[in-house]
Amino acid sequence: MTARHILAIDFGGTKIAVARAAVGVSDGRPDSTLRLRTLGGAGALQAVRRTFDAARELLAAPAAVGVSTFGVLRGGRVRLAPNVPGWDGMALPELLRAEFGDAPVAIDNDVNAGAAAEVRWGALRGVDVGLYVNLGTGLAAALVAGGRVLTGAHGAAGEIGYLRDSAGDGYFADGRAPLEEAVSGSALARRGSALLGRPVTAAELFALSAEPGVADLLDEVVDTLARTIANLCVTLDPERVVLGGGMMGAAAYVMPRVATALRRTVPFPPELSAARFVDDAPLLGAVALAMAAAGDG
């Protein structure tokens, strides 16, 4: 394998993906991918080591390495990652430098990485000021300005799951993520399961809108989401908003409500688009990060 290939690594909450791609590939699609399981607790560092072993199998001398991770990077450590024991506080950048030596390494959180893929190849390509909202198990956004994803002063720009929507909401200082607890795939699954008295996923809940109370729950959640996105657009004045993540399986339900909120709330309503990349968006974002680190774009 020539040195004009890059490695991309996506550390997800339940799975890890490692991919190899040629520098300059036109659509970000890797030519080879391996998938591993994320481990928590004492197994977290073991999972990282197994990932590095898999990376060496794919490409021994990468031109650059791009990495996406859940949580955010702050002070050389993973932060805001409480759901997988052993990851919050992990010195992931240091481990990457020790493993890959002189190869440039670019690392960002998973939502920013997904936005980077959209900026390079997808629905945010050519957009000066944009907003990417990831509607998945959790809830987060990425801000784009000058065609670049902004990380913020502490690496936590776009962590909208911590927004408070009402005076009765909890606070980050108390271990709460108020908006994410109300508006996310995990929130829908939890609230829908309690309502129906049996376990359901968020995807299943959208298919059960005829069940008593389900339509009201979906309306409440999606209207809160739409209001939040509209308020962000009043603040940021983006030219385009892109929605991605697993909940986009219900795009026919979500998109019209968000579009209405934008049209009625925002003085200069932005365009609204679905993300080009839904499956493996953070991995493709890691490819985009590695391409840039390798000097391609």
Protein backbone atom coordinates (compact mmCIF):
# COMPACT_ATOMS: atom_id res chain seq x y z
CA MET A 1 0.00 0.00 0.00
CA THR A 2 1.40 3.39 -0.97
CA ALA A 3 1.82 6.29 1.44
CA ARG A 4 -0.96 8.16 -0.40
CA HIS A 5 -3.60 6.38 1.57
CA ILE A 6 -5.09 7.54 4.85
CA LEU A 7 -6.62 5.84 7.87
CA ALA A 8 -9.96 6.81 9.39
CA ILE A 9 -11.11 5.67 12.83
CA ASP A 10 -14.56 6.18 14.32
CA PHE A 11 -14.85 5.47 18.04
CA GLY A 12 -18.60 5.09 18.53
CA GLY A 13 -20.53 4.41 21.70
CA THR A 14 -21.31 0.81 20.68
CA LYS A 15 -18.96 0.12 17.77
CA ILE A 16 -15.61 1.13 16.38
CA ALA A 17 -14.87 1.34 12.67
CA VAL A 18 -11.46 1.54 10.99
CA ALA A 19 -11.17 2.38 7.31
CA ARG A 20 -8.56 2.94 4.59
CA ALA A 21 -9.08 5.35 1.72
CA ALA A 22 -7.02 6.77 -1.12
CA VAL A 23 -6.07 10.42 -0.81
CA GLY A 24 -8.23 12.47 -3.15
CA VAL A 25 -11.11 9.98 -3.34
CA SER A 26 -14.03 11.93 -4.78
CA ASP A 27 -16.86 10.77 -2.50
CA GLY A 28 -15.14 9.86 0.77
CA ARG A 29 -15.95 6.18 0.48
CA PRO A 30 -13.17 3.98 1.92
CA ASP A 31 -11.85 1.00 -0.01
CA SER A 32 -11.66 -1.21 3.09
CA THR A 33 -13.37 -1.13 6.51
CA LEU A 34 -13.07 -3.19 9.70
CA ARG A 35 -15.57 -3.05 12.57
CA LEU A 36 -14.96 -3.76 16.26
CA ARG A 37 -16.98 -3.53 19.46
CA THR A 38 -16.56 -0.64 21.88
CA LEU A 39 -15.64 -1.76 25.39
CA GLY A 40 -16.22 0.15 28.61
CA GLY A 41 -14.59 0.12 32.02
CA ALA A 42 -11.26 -1.69 32.20
CA GLY A 43 -11.79 -2.77 28.59
CA ALA A 44 -11.74 0.77 27.19
CA LEU A 45 -7.98 0.91 26.75
CA GLN A 46 -8.05 -2.66 25.42
CA ALA A 47 -10.54 -1.55 22.77
CA VAL A 48 -8.20 1.25 21.70
CA ARG A 49 -5.28 -1.19 21.44
CA ARG A 50 -7.37 -3.62 19.37
CA THR A 51 -8.32 -0.71 17.12
CA PHE A 52 -4.67 0.16 16.57
CA ASP A 53 -3.92 -3.48 15.73
CA ALA A 54 -6.71 -3.46 13.15
CA ALA A 55 -5.43 -0.16 11.73
CA ARG A 56 -1.95 -1.63 11.22
CA GLU A 57 -3.51 -4.56 9.34
CA LEU A 58 -5.21 -2.14 6.96
CA LEU A 59 -2.35 0.30 6.47
CA ALA A 60 1.08 0.24 8.09
CA ALA A 61 2.24 3.73 7.00
CA PRO A 62 -0.69 6.13 6.53
CA ALA A 63 -0.23 9.55 4.99
CA ALA A 64 -2.50 10.86 7.76
CA VAL A 65 -5.03 9.64 10.31
CA GLY A 66 -8.50 11.05 10.95
CA VAL A 67 -10.35 10.18 14.14
CA SER A 68 -13.94 10.67 15.22
CA THR A 69 -14.98 10.04 18.82
CA PHE A 70 -18.06 10.37 20.96
CA GLY A 71 -17.74 13.07 23.61
CA VAL A 72 -15.58 16.13 23.00
CA LEU A 73 -11.82 16.74 23.16
CA ARG A 74 -10.70 19.07 25.91
CA GLY A 75 -7.20 19.44 27.32
CA GLY A 76 -5.98 16.39 25.43
CA ARG A 77 -8.68 14.14 26.91
CA VAL A 78 -12.12 12.85 25.98
CA ARG A 79 -14.79 14.69 27.96
CA LEU A 80 -18.60 14.61 28.14
CA ALA A 81 -18.59 10.85 27.51
CA PRO A 82 -20.28 9.43 30.64
CA ASN A 83 -22.21 6.61 28.95
CA VAL A 84 -19.22 4.33 28.26
CA PRO A 85 -17.13 3.77 31.41
CA GLY A 86 -13.41 4.29 30.97
CA TRP A 87 -13.67 6.76 28.09
CA ASP A 88 -14.38 10.00 29.92
CA GLY A 89 -10.94 11.41 30.71
CA MET A 90 -9.06 9.09 28.35
CA ALA A 91 -5.93 10.72 26.87
CA LEU A 92 -6.87 9.64 23.36
CA PRO A 93 -4.75 12.21 21.44
CA GLU A 94 -1.63 11.10 23.32
CA LEU A 95 -2.35 7.44 22.54
CA LEU A 96 -2.80 8.30 18.86
CA ARG A 97 0.48 10.24 18.71
CA ALA A 98 2.32 7.36 20.36
CA GLU A 99 0.85 4.87 17.89
CA PHE A 100 1.17 6.77 14.61
CA GLY A 101 4.38 8.72 15.22
CA ASP A 102 5.08 11.30 12.54
CA ALA A 103 1.84 10.78 10.61
CA PRO A 104 -0.46 13.82 10.97
CA VAL A 105 -3.45 13.03 13.17
CA ALA A 106 -6.69 15.04 13.11
CA ILE A 107 -9.34 14.30 15.75
CA ASP A 108 -12.82 15.71 16.45
CA ASN A 109 -16.11 14.63 17.97
CA ASP A 110 -18.50 12.48 15.97
CA VAL A 111 -21.03 15.19 15.10
CA ASN A 112 -18.36 17.64 13.95
CA ALA A 113 -16.88 14.81 11.89
CA GLY A 114 -20.26 14.12 10.30
CA ALA A 115 -20.50 17.80 9.45
CA ALA A 116 -17.00 17.69 7.94
CA ALA A 117 -18.16 14.94 5.59
CA GLU A 118 -21.14 17.05 4.56
CA VAL A 119 -18.88 20.08 4.01
CA ARG A 120 -16.45 18.14 1.83
CA TRP A 121 -18.81 15.91 -0.17
CA GLY A 122 -22.39 16.43 0.93
CA ALA A 123 -25.21 18.86 1.63
CA LEU A 124 -22.96 21.56 3.13
CA ARG A 125 -20.51 21.64 0.25
CA GLY A 126 -19.95 25.23 -0.89
CA VAL A 127 -21.93 26.61 2.08
CA ASP A 128 -20.32 29.55 3.89
CA VAL A 129 -22.46 29.56 7.05
CA GLY A 130 -24.34 26.39 7.88
CA LEU A 131 -25.80 24.30 10.69
CA TYR A 132 -25.66 20.51 10.91
CA VAL A 133 -27.98 18.83 13.42
CA ASN A 134 -27.52 15.18 14.30
CA LEU A 135 -30.75 13.49 15.40
CA GLY A 136 -29.55 10.17 16.71
CA THR A 137 -29.41 8.30 19.99
CA GLY A 138 -28.26 11.64 21.38
CA LEU A 139 -28.71 15.20 20.14
CA ALA A 140 -25.98 17.59 19.00
CA ALA A 141 -25.17 20.12 16.31
CA ALA A 142 -22.15 21.40 14.42
CA LEU A 143 -21.56 24.97 13.32
CA VAL A 144 -20.00 25.79 9.95
CA ALA A 145 -18.52 29.19 9.10
CA GLY A 146 -16.26 30.04 6.20
CA GLY A 147 -16.77 26.47 5.02
CA ARG A 148 -15.11 25.14 8.21
CA VAL A 149 -16.54 23.29 11.18
CA LEU A 150 -16.11 25.39 14.34
CA THR A 151 -15.12 23.58 17.51
CA GLY A 152 -15.56 26.46 19.96
CA ALA A 153 -13.23 27.70 22.69
CA HIS A 154 -13.41 24.41 24.60
CA GLY A 155 -14.20 21.94 21.82
CA ALA A 156 -17.85 21.87 22.86
CA ALA A 157 -19.57 24.07 20.24
CA GLY A 158 -22.93 22.61 19.23
CA GLU A 159 -23.53 20.54 22.39
CA ILE A 160 -27.20 21.52 22.27
CA GLY A 161 -28.29 18.52 24.35
CA TYR A 162 -27.41 20.66 27.38
CA LEU A 163 -29.82 23.46 26.42
CA ARG A 164 -32.69 24.18 28.82
CA ASP A 165 -36.09 24.56 27.19
CA SER A 166 -38.08 25.48 30.30
CA ALA A 167 -37.57 26.76 33.84
CA GLY A 168 -38.24 23.27 35.21
CA ASP A 169 -35.34 21.68 33.32
CA GLY A 170 -32.23 20.44 35.13
CA TYR A 171 -28.68 21.68 34.73
CA PHE A 172 -25.41 20.28 33.39
CA ALA A 173 -23.92 20.91 36.85
CA ASP A 174 -26.38 18.36 38.23
CA GLY A 175 -25.46 15.73 35.67
CA ARG A 176 -28.36 16.49 33.36
CA ALA A 177 -28.60 17.02 29.60
CA PRO A 178 -32.12 18.51 29.58
CA LEU A 179 -32.83 18.85 25.88
CA GLU A 180 -31.26 15.49 24.98
CA GLU A 181 -33.34 13.86 27.71
CA ALA A 182 -36.47 15.21 26.03
CA VAL A 183 -35.57 15.24 22.34
CA SER A 184 -33.41 12.39 21.02
CA GLY A 185 -33.70 8.81 19.87
CA SER A 186 -32.98 7.51 23.36
CA ALA A 187 -35.53 9.91 24.85
CA LEU A 188 -38.21 8.79 22.41
CA ALA A 189 -37.47 5.14 23.14
CA ARG A 190 -37.61 5.70 26.90
CA ARG A 191 -40.75 7.83 26.86
CA GLY A 192 -42.48 5.66 24.28
CA SER A 193 -41.73 2.48 26.23
CA ALA A 194 -43.16 4.04 29.40
CA LEU A 195 -46.27 5.18 27.52
CA LEU A 196 -46.97 1.83 25.85
CA GLY A 197 -45.84 -0.39 28.71
CA ARG A 198 -43.47 -2.38 26.51
CA PRO A 199 -40.01 -1.76 25.04
CA VAL A 200 -40.02 0.16 21.76
CA THR A 201 -37.33 1.91 19.75
CA ALA A 202 -37.65 5.43 18.41
CA ALA A 203 -38.03 4.05 14.88
CA GLU A 204 -40.85 1.75 16.01
CA LEU A 205 -42.58 4.61 17.77
CA PHE A 206 -42.99 6.60 14.56
CA ALA A 207 -44.70 3.56 13.03
CA LEU A 208 -47.09 3.38 16.02
CA SER A 209 -48.52 6.88 15.76
CA ALA A 210 -52.08 5.48 15.77
CA GLU A 211 -51.58 4.07 19.29
CA PRO A 212 -53.20 6.16 22.08
CA GLY A 213 -50.94 9.00 23.15
CA VAL A 214 -48.14 8.24 20.70
CA ALA A 215 -49.04 10.96 18.21
CA ASP A 216 -49.14 13.53 21.02
CA LEU A 217 -45.70 12.41 22.25
CA LEU A 218 -44.21 12.59 18.76
CA ASP A 219 -45.74 16.01 18.17
CA GLU A 220 -44.33 17.32 21.46
CA VAL A 221 -40.83 16.01 20.78
CA VAL A 222 -40.60 17.09 17.15
CA ASP A 223 -42.12 20.50 17.88
CA THR A 224 -39.53 21.07 20.63
CA LEU A 225 -36.80 20.01 18.20
CA ALA A 226 -38.13 22.33 15.50
CA ARG A 227 -38.34 25.25 17.95
CA THR A 228 -34.75 24.64 19.05
CA ILE A 229 -33.44 24.56 15.48
CA ALA A 230 -35.37 27.73 14.63
CA ASN A 231 -33.91 29.52 17.66
CA LEU A 232 -30.41 28.45 16.63
CA CYS A 233 -31.05 29.86 13.16
CA VAL A 234 -32.20 33.20 14.58
CA THR A 235 -28.88 33.34 16.45
CA LEU A 236 -26.55 32.06 13.71
CA ASP A 237 -28.29 33.18 10.48
CA PRO A 238 -27.13 30.12 8.45
CA GLU A 239 -27.81 29.80 4.76
CA ARG A 240 -28.52 26.09 5.05
CA VAL A 241 -29.56 23.66 7.80
CA VAL A 242 -28.77 19.98 7.31
CA LEU A 243 -30.43 17.26 9.37
CA GLY A 244 -28.71 13.89 9.79
CA GLY A 245 -28.62 10.94 12.16
CA GLY A 246 -30.67 7.81 12.73
CA MET A 247 -33.95 9.63 13.37
CA MET A 248 -33.91 10.73 9.73
CA GLY A 249 -35.61 7.41 9.06
CA ALA A 250 -38.66 9.46 10.05
CA ALA A 251 -37.70 12.40 7.82
CA ALA A 252 -41.22 12.55 6.34
CA TYR A 253 -42.49 13.37 9.84
CA VAL A 254 -39.64 15.57 11.02
CA MET A 255 -38.67 17.69 8.01
CA PRO A 256 -42.03 19.43 7.32
CA ARG A 257 -42.37 20.51 10.96
CA VAL A 258 -38.83 21.90 11.07
CA ALA A 259 -39.44 23.67 7.75
CA THR A 260 -42.60 25.31 9.12
CA ALA A 261 -40.80 26.47 12.27
CA LEU A 262 -37.98 27.96 10.20
CA ARG A 263 -40.38 29.73 7.87
CA ARG A 264 -42.47 31.23 10.69
CA THR A 265 -39.67 32.04 13.18
CA VAL A 266 -36.52 33.05 11.33
CA PRO A 267 -36.36 36.50 9.67
CA PHE A 268 -34.32 35.09 6.77
CA PRO A 269 -35.18 31.38 6.71
CA PRO A 270 -32.36 29.07 5.63
CA GLU A 271 -32.63 26.22 3.19
CA LEU A 272 -33.40 22.90 4.86
CA SER A 273 -31.79 19.69 3.56
CA ALA A 274 -31.40 16.10 4.61
CA ALA A 275 -27.81 14.98 5.08
CA ARG A 276 -26.19 13.08 2.25
CA PHE A 277 -24.55 10.74 4.74
CA VAL A 278 -26.60 8.98 7.42
CA ASP A 279 -24.97 5.58 7.84
CA ASP A 280 -21.30 5.87 8.83
CA ALA A 281 -21.34 9.68 8.78
CA PRO A 282 -18.74 9.96 11.60
CA LEU A 283 -16.45 7.47 9.82
CA LEU A 284 -16.69 9.39 6.55
CA GLY A 285 -16.05 12.52 8.57
CA ALA A 286 -12.87 10.91 9.90
CA VAL A 287 -11.90 10.27 6.27
CA ALA A 288 -12.46 13.99 5.55
CA LEU A 289 -10.35 14.97 8.57
CA ALA A 290 -7.53 12.70 7.44
CA MET A 291 -7.68 14.04 3.87
CA ALA A 292 -7.28 17.58 5.15
CA ALA A 293 -4.43 16.52 7.45
CA ALA A 294 -2.73 14.89 4.45
CA GLY A 295 -2.90 18.22 2.61
CA ASP A 296 -5.79 17.36 0.31
CA GLY A 297 -8.28 20.19 0.54
